[in-house]
Amino acid sequence: MAPVINAGATQLQVTVPSLCGTGTVKVSTNGQTASGPIFTYDTTYTLTAFATGLSNPQYLTIDGAGSLYVTNFGNGTIAKISSAGSVSTFASGLNGPTGITIDANSNIYVSTNNNMNVSTIYKITPSGTASSFAAITGYVYGLTIDNSGNLYAANAGTGAISMVTSSGSVSTFASGMPSITGIAFSSNGNLYATGTTNGSVYKITPGGAVTGVSNGFSFGGQNGIAVDNNNNLYITVFDNNTLSQTNTVTKIDVSGTISTITTGLDDPCGLAIDVNGNFFVVNTLAATVSKLTVQ
């Protein structure tokens, strides 16, 4: 709904809500509604440095207060970054942390990987206490969680997604996706994943059925994926063959159209969107986090 600034017989002047998207203009007054032309919101993105001083960072998640939690693969810690960009250590003593996600009770789940081809997933309480939660054979990167509290783990070693219940029971949710790394849920319950071997993006239904969404990317290693409220996909791409660009955040909209929303990153991996529609991107080589402010 757009607040009206000025109304005339043939013209309305309104304040356009931020990120309102695309749709038909509708005007309602005195119980009557009239439809107008299609309106498109022209979104712009501003890239800025948000946090520095990390150690081979991988993935990130956001809590309800807007703080970021980033896995530092290099020193086995979880960094907490305040909404102002201040960095502190939230948890330590982890062996090769990669994927990370947060549940409704602010418990954090982290996947760790060692040379024994077993990924241990840890649960970390809001106070920073870590305990072993589940073990998965393979090499787990991205993590995400559904509304029922079930955890999903992208297993690059087996090309499958594991589901872990709240009690720690592990089962295979979907398979047949070589070297998957990033995973994220959409608002309609579908899960999306990226595969680094063939540069593909996959859609997985709530029943576990897998279909391809797009291919032809060259991710250059593990990468991240996020979904906005309109079910558009965003992926971090180190070497993007489709658009002949490198170090991008690339958008795949609901119609399948591919576009780049920013360049200038440094081996981007983890990606997250906050409640205001702003993006946070982990730059693995630069050991930083960048912010994409949306207008």
Protein backbone atom coordinates (compact mmCIF):
# COMPACT_ATOMS: atom_id res chain seq x y z
CA MET A 1 0.00 0.00 0.00
CA ALA A 2 1.43 3.38 -1.08
CA PRO A 3 0.57 6.48 1.02
CA VAL A 4 -1.04 9.21 -1.09
CA ILE A 5 0.79 12.57 -1.09
CA ASN A 6 -1.48 14.45 -3.47
CA ALA A 7 -4.64 13.48 -5.39
CA GLY A 8 -6.14 15.16 -8.43
CA ALA A 9 -8.84 14.35 -10.96
CA THR A 10 -6.41 12.61 -13.31
CA GLN A 11 -3.27 12.08 -11.25
CA LEU A 12 -2.11 10.57 -7.97
CA GLN A 13 1.19 11.33 -6.28
CA VAL A 14 2.24 8.61 -3.85
CA THR A 15 5.22 7.42 -1.82
CA VAL A 16 6.41 4.14 -3.30
CA PRO A 17 7.23 1.53 -0.62
CA SER A 18 10.79 0.23 -0.70
CA LEU A 19 11.29 -2.99 -2.69
CA CYS A 20 7.62 -3.19 -3.66
CA GLY A 21 8.49 -5.25 -6.74
CA THR A 22 6.46 -5.48 -9.92
CA GLY A 23 2.68 -5.66 -10.31
CA THR A 24 -0.53 -4.03 -11.46
CA VAL A 25 -1.32 -0.60 -10.03
CA LYS A 26 -4.64 -0.65 -8.14
CA VAL A 27 -6.45 2.37 -6.74
CA SER A 28 -9.22 1.96 -4.17
CA THR A 29 -11.59 4.65 -2.84
CA ASN A 30 -15.11 4.68 -1.45
CA GLY A 31 -15.38 0.92 -1.76
CA GLN A 32 -14.43 0.85 -5.44
CA THR A 33 -11.17 -0.42 -7.02
CA ALA A 34 -9.69 0.39 -10.43
CA SER A 35 -6.69 -1.29 -12.03
CA GLY A 36 -4.00 0.60 -13.91
CA PRO A 37 -0.77 -0.27 -15.75
CA ILE A 38 2.01 -2.62 -14.66
CA PHE A 39 4.43 -0.95 -12.24
CA THR A 40 8.10 -1.93 -11.91
CA TYR A 41 10.24 -0.89 -8.96
CA ASP A 42 13.77 0.04 -10.05
CA THR A 43 15.99 -1.57 -7.39
CA THR A 44 19.55 -0.31 -6.87
CA TYR A 45 22.31 -1.95 -4.81
CA THR A 46 25.20 -0.22 -3.06
CA LEU A 47 28.22 -2.36 -2.11
CA THR A 48 30.18 -1.41 1.01
CA ALA A 49 32.68 -3.06 3.35
CA PHE A 50 30.93 -4.22 6.52
CA ALA A 51 33.41 -6.24 8.62
CA THR A 52 37.08 -7.27 8.41
CA GLY A 53 39.62 -9.34 10.32
CA LEU A 54 38.10 -12.80 9.76
CA SER A 55 40.02 -16.05 9.14
CA ASN A 56 39.16 -17.91 5.92
CA PRO A 57 35.43 -17.22 6.47
CA GLN A 58 32.88 -19.48 4.79
CA TYR A 59 29.16 -19.09 5.57
CA LEU A 60 26.97 -16.84 7.70
CA THR A 61 23.54 -16.53 9.30
CA ILE A 62 21.54 -13.67 10.87
CA ASP A 63 19.70 -13.59 14.21
CA GLY A 64 16.55 -11.66 15.09
CA ALA A 65 18.53 -8.66 16.34
CA GLY A 66 20.41 -8.31 13.06
CA SER A 67 23.72 -9.75 14.27
CA LEU A 68 25.69 -11.94 11.88
CA TYR A 69 27.43 -15.22 12.77
CA VAL A 70 30.26 -16.27 10.44
CA THR A 71 32.20 -19.54 10.32
CA ASN A 72 35.96 -18.99 10.39
CA PHE A 73 37.39 -22.12 8.80
CA GLY A 74 40.93 -20.82 9.33
CA ASN A 75 40.94 -20.63 13.13
CA GLY A 76 38.00 -22.85 14.10
CA THR A 77 35.82 -20.09 15.51
CA ILE A 78 32.42 -18.52 15.02
CA ALA A 79 32.61 -14.74 14.71
CA LYS A 80 29.71 -12.57 15.84
CA ILE A 81 29.29 -9.31 13.97
CA SER A 82 26.97 -6.69 15.42
CA SER A 83 24.57 -4.66 13.30
CA ALA A 84 27.19 -1.89 13.44
CA GLY A 85 29.95 -4.17 12.09
CA SER A 86 31.81 -4.85 15.35
CA VAL A 87 33.49 -8.31 15.34
CA SER A 88 33.88 -10.60 18.36
CA THR A 89 34.38 -14.34 18.95
CA PHE A 90 31.15 -16.15 19.78
CA ALA A 91 32.45 -19.75 19.93
CA SER A 92 35.81 -21.47 19.42
CA GLY A 93 37.46 -24.90 19.36
CA LEU A 94 35.64 -26.14 16.24
CA ASN A 95 37.41 -28.28 13.62
CA GLY A 96 36.98 -26.70 10.19
CA PRO A 97 33.57 -24.99 10.52
CA THR A 98 31.73 -24.40 7.25
CA GLY A 99 27.91 -24.21 7.13
CA ILE A 100 25.86 -22.35 9.73
CA THR A 101 22.19 -21.64 10.45
CA ILE A 102 20.01 -20.52 13.37
CA ASP A 103 16.69 -21.78 14.75
CA ALA A 104 13.68 -19.98 16.21
CA ASN A 105 15.17 -20.22 19.72
CA SER A 106 18.48 -18.62 18.64
CA ASN A 107 20.39 -21.90 18.81
CA ILE A 108 23.10 -22.01 16.15
CA TYR A 109 24.04 -25.12 14.18
CA VAL A 110 27.46 -25.45 12.58
CA SER A 111 28.87 -28.13 10.29
CA THR A 112 32.53 -29.07 10.77
CA ASN A 113 34.71 -31.21 8.54
CA ASN A 114 37.85 -33.25 9.13
CA ASN A 115 40.03 -35.61 7.14
CA MET A 116 38.09 -38.70 8.22
CA ASN A 117 35.21 -37.97 5.80
CA VAL A 118 32.82 -37.32 8.68
CA SER A 119 31.08 -34.01 9.26
CA THR A 120 30.10 -33.32 12.85
CA ILE A 121 27.29 -30.83 13.33
CA TYR A 122 27.40 -28.85 16.55
CA LYS A 123 24.57 -27.09 18.35
CA ILE A 124 25.59 -23.85 20.05
CA THR A 125 23.28 -22.26 22.60
CA PRO A 126 22.69 -18.48 22.71
CA SER A 127 25.27 -18.32 25.53
CA GLY A 128 27.93 -19.90 23.29
CA THR A 129 28.00 -23.45 24.70
CA ALA A 130 28.69 -26.02 21.96
CA SER A 131 27.74 -29.70 21.95
CA SER A 132 27.80 -32.42 19.30
CA PHE A 133 24.38 -32.74 17.64
CA ALA A 134 24.78 -35.15 14.71
CA ALA A 135 27.42 -36.87 12.52
CA ILE A 136 27.11 -37.21 8.75
CA THR A 137 29.39 -39.25 6.50
CA GLY A 138 30.75 -37.00 3.79
CA TYR A 139 31.64 -33.33 3.59
CA VAL A 140 28.93 -30.88 4.63
CA TYR A 141 28.92 -27.23 3.60
CA GLY A 142 25.63 -25.31 3.66
CA LEU A 143 23.01 -25.71 6.39
CA THR A 144 19.44 -24.46 6.68
CA ILE A 145 16.43 -25.17 8.88
CA ASP A 146 12.68 -25.45 8.25
CA ASN A 147 9.74 -24.11 10.26
CA SER A 148 9.40 -27.42 12.10
CA GLY A 149 12.97 -27.32 13.39
CA ASN A 150 14.38 -29.93 11.01
CA LEU A 151 17.93 -29.24 9.89
CA TYR A 152 19.08 -29.75 6.28
CA ALA A 153 22.72 -30.31 5.35
CA ALA A 154 24.28 -30.01 1.87
CA ASN A 155 26.69 -32.93 1.53
CA ALA A 156 29.23 -32.24 -1.22
CA GLY A 157 30.83 -35.63 -0.66
CA THR A 158 27.71 -37.65 -1.51
CA GLY A 159 25.76 -35.16 -3.63
CA ALA A 160 22.83 -35.44 -1.25
CA ILE A 161 20.89 -33.38 1.28
CA SER A 162 20.60 -34.91 4.73
CA MET A 163 17.71 -34.09 7.05
CA VAL A 164 18.40 -34.03 10.79
CA THR A 165 15.43 -33.99 13.16
CA SER A 166 15.37 -31.97 16.38
CA SER A 167 16.45 -35.13 18.22
CA GLY A 168 19.52 -35.58 15.98
CA SER A 169 18.22 -38.42 13.80
CA VAL A 170 19.81 -38.33 10.31
CA SER A 171 18.19 -39.44 7.03
CA THR A 172 18.64 -38.68 3.31
CA PHE A 173 16.14 -36.09 2.08
CA ALA A 174 17.24 -35.81 -1.58
CA SER A 175 20.13 -37.00 -3.75
CA GLY A 176 21.64 -36.83 -7.24
CA MET A 177 23.19 -33.34 -6.98
CA PRO A 178 26.98 -33.53 -7.49
CA SER A 179 29.11 -31.48 -5.08
CA ILE A 180 26.27 -29.39 -3.63
CA THR A 181 27.30 -26.65 -1.25
CA GLY A 182 24.72 -23.87 -0.75
CA ILE A 183 21.10 -24.51 0.26
CA ALA A 184 18.17 -22.23 1.16
CA PHE A 185 14.40 -22.45 1.60
CA SER A 186 11.84 -20.36 -0.25
CA SER A 187 8.63 -19.08 1.34
CA ASN A 188 6.59 -21.78 -0.43
CA GLY A 189 8.57 -24.61 1.15
CA ASN A 190 10.82 -25.53 -1.75
CA LEU A 191 14.52 -26.02 -1.07
CA TYR A 192 17.14 -24.73 -3.51
CA ALA A 193 20.71 -25.98 -3.83
CA THR A 194 23.83 -25.24 -5.86
CA GLY A 195 26.17 -27.86 -7.33
CA THR A 196 29.78 -26.86 -7.98
CA THR A 197 30.76 -29.77 -10.26
CA ASN A 198 28.33 -28.90 -13.06
CA GLY A 199 27.49 -25.32 -12.12
CA SER A 200 23.82 -26.13 -11.56
CA VAL A 201 21.04 -24.75 -9.39
CA TYR A 202 18.46 -27.28 -8.17
CA LYS A 203 14.92 -27.10 -6.84
CA ILE A 204 13.85 -29.71 -4.28
CA THR A 205 10.15 -30.01 -3.43
CA PRO A 206 8.93 -30.72 0.14
CA GLY A 207 8.62 -34.36 -0.97
CA GLY A 208 12.28 -34.53 -2.01
CA ALA A 209 11.84 -34.45 -5.81
CA VAL A 210 14.81 -32.81 -7.57
CA THR A 211 14.67 -30.72 -10.76
CA GLY A 212 17.19 -28.40 -12.40
CA VAL A 213 16.56 -24.65 -12.35
CA SER A 214 19.65 -23.40 -14.20
CA ASN A 215 23.15 -24.49 -15.17
CA GLY A 216 26.26 -23.22 -16.90
CA PHE A 217 27.76 -21.43 -13.90
CA SER A 218 31.32 -21.93 -12.73
CA PHE A 219 31.20 -21.46 -8.99
CA GLY A 220 34.95 -21.91 -8.43
CA GLY A 221 34.39 -23.78 -5.17
CA GLN A 222 31.76 -23.73 -2.48
CA ASN A 223 29.21 -20.94 -2.72
CA GLY A 224 26.09 -19.53 -1.11
CA ILE A 225 22.46 -19.14 -2.05
CA ALA A 226 19.59 -17.07 -0.64
CA VAL A 227 15.91 -16.61 -1.51
CA ASP A 228 13.96 -13.37 -1.05
CA ASN A 229 10.31 -12.97 -0.04
CA ASN A 230 9.25 -13.05 -3.70
CA ASN A 231 11.07 -16.38 -4.26
CA ASN A 232 13.82 -14.88 -6.42
CA LEU A 233 17.13 -16.74 -6.06
CA TYR A 234 20.52 -15.15 -5.40
CA ILE A 235 23.81 -17.03 -5.68
CA THR A 236 27.44 -16.12 -5.12
CA VAL A 237 29.57 -16.91 -8.15
CA PHE A 238 33.36 -16.84 -8.29
CA ASP A 239 33.60 -17.42 -12.05
CA ASN A 240 30.33 -16.83 -13.87
CA ASN A 241 30.41 -18.33 -17.37
CA THR A 242 26.79 -17.41 -18.07
CA LEU A 243 27.42 -13.67 -17.78
CA SER A 244 31.20 -13.67 -18.45
CA GLN A 245 31.81 -12.01 -15.08
CA THR A 246 33.64 -12.99 -11.92
CA ASN A 247 33.05 -12.40 -8.22
CA THR A 248 29.35 -11.64 -8.45
CA VAL A 249 26.05 -12.00 -6.70
CA THR A 250 23.75 -13.27 -9.43
CA LYS A 251 19.95 -13.20 -9.42
CA ILE A 252 17.64 -15.80 -10.96
CA ASP A 253 14.10 -14.43 -10.84
CA VAL A 254 10.92 -16.50 -10.73
CA SER A 255 10.72 -16.49 -14.55
CA GLY A 256 14.27 -17.85 -14.83
CA THR A 257 15.85 -14.59 -16.02
CA ILE A 258 19.49 -14.25 -14.93
CA SER A 259 21.06 -10.92 -13.98
CA THR A 260 23.96 -9.65 -11.88
CA ILE A 261 23.23 -7.39 -8.95
CA THR A 262 26.83 -6.66 -7.98
CA THR A 263 30.44 -7.33 -8.90
CA GLY A 264 33.63 -6.40 -7.05
CA LEU A 265 33.64 -9.23 -4.51
CA ASP A 266 36.62 -11.44 -3.59
CA ASP A 267 35.88 -15.18 -3.88
CA PRO A 268 32.35 -14.82 -2.45
CA CYS A 269 30.85 -17.72 -0.52
CA GLY A 270 28.17 -17.34 2.17
CA LEU A 271 25.17 -15.12 1.43
CA ALA A 272 22.28 -13.95 3.61
CA ILE A 273 19.41 -11.44 3.36
CA ASP A 274 18.16 -9.44 6.37
CA VAL A 275 14.58 -8.37 7.13
CA ASN A 276 15.11 -5.09 5.27
CA GLY A 277 16.21 -6.85 2.08
CA ASN A 278 19.89 -6.01 2.45
CA PHE A 279 22.48 -8.64 1.48
CA PHE A 280 25.56 -9.74 3.40
CA VAL A 281 28.29 -11.60 1.50
CA VAL A 282 31.34 -13.46 2.83
CA ASN A 283 34.53 -12.73 0.87
CA THR A 284 36.66 -15.78 1.58
CA LEU A 285 39.98 -14.59 0.11
CA ALA A 286 39.71 -11.07 1.52
CA ALA A 287 38.52 -12.43 4.91
CA THR A 288 35.77 -9.82 5.02
CA VAL A 289 32.01 -9.41 4.89
CA SER A 290 30.45 -7.00 2.39
CA LYS A 291 27.01 -5.42 2.62
CA LEU A 292 24.71 -4.76 -0.31
CA THR A 293 22.30 -2.01 0.68
CA VAL A 294 19.07 -2.15 -1.30
CA GLN A 295 17.18 0.95 -2.38
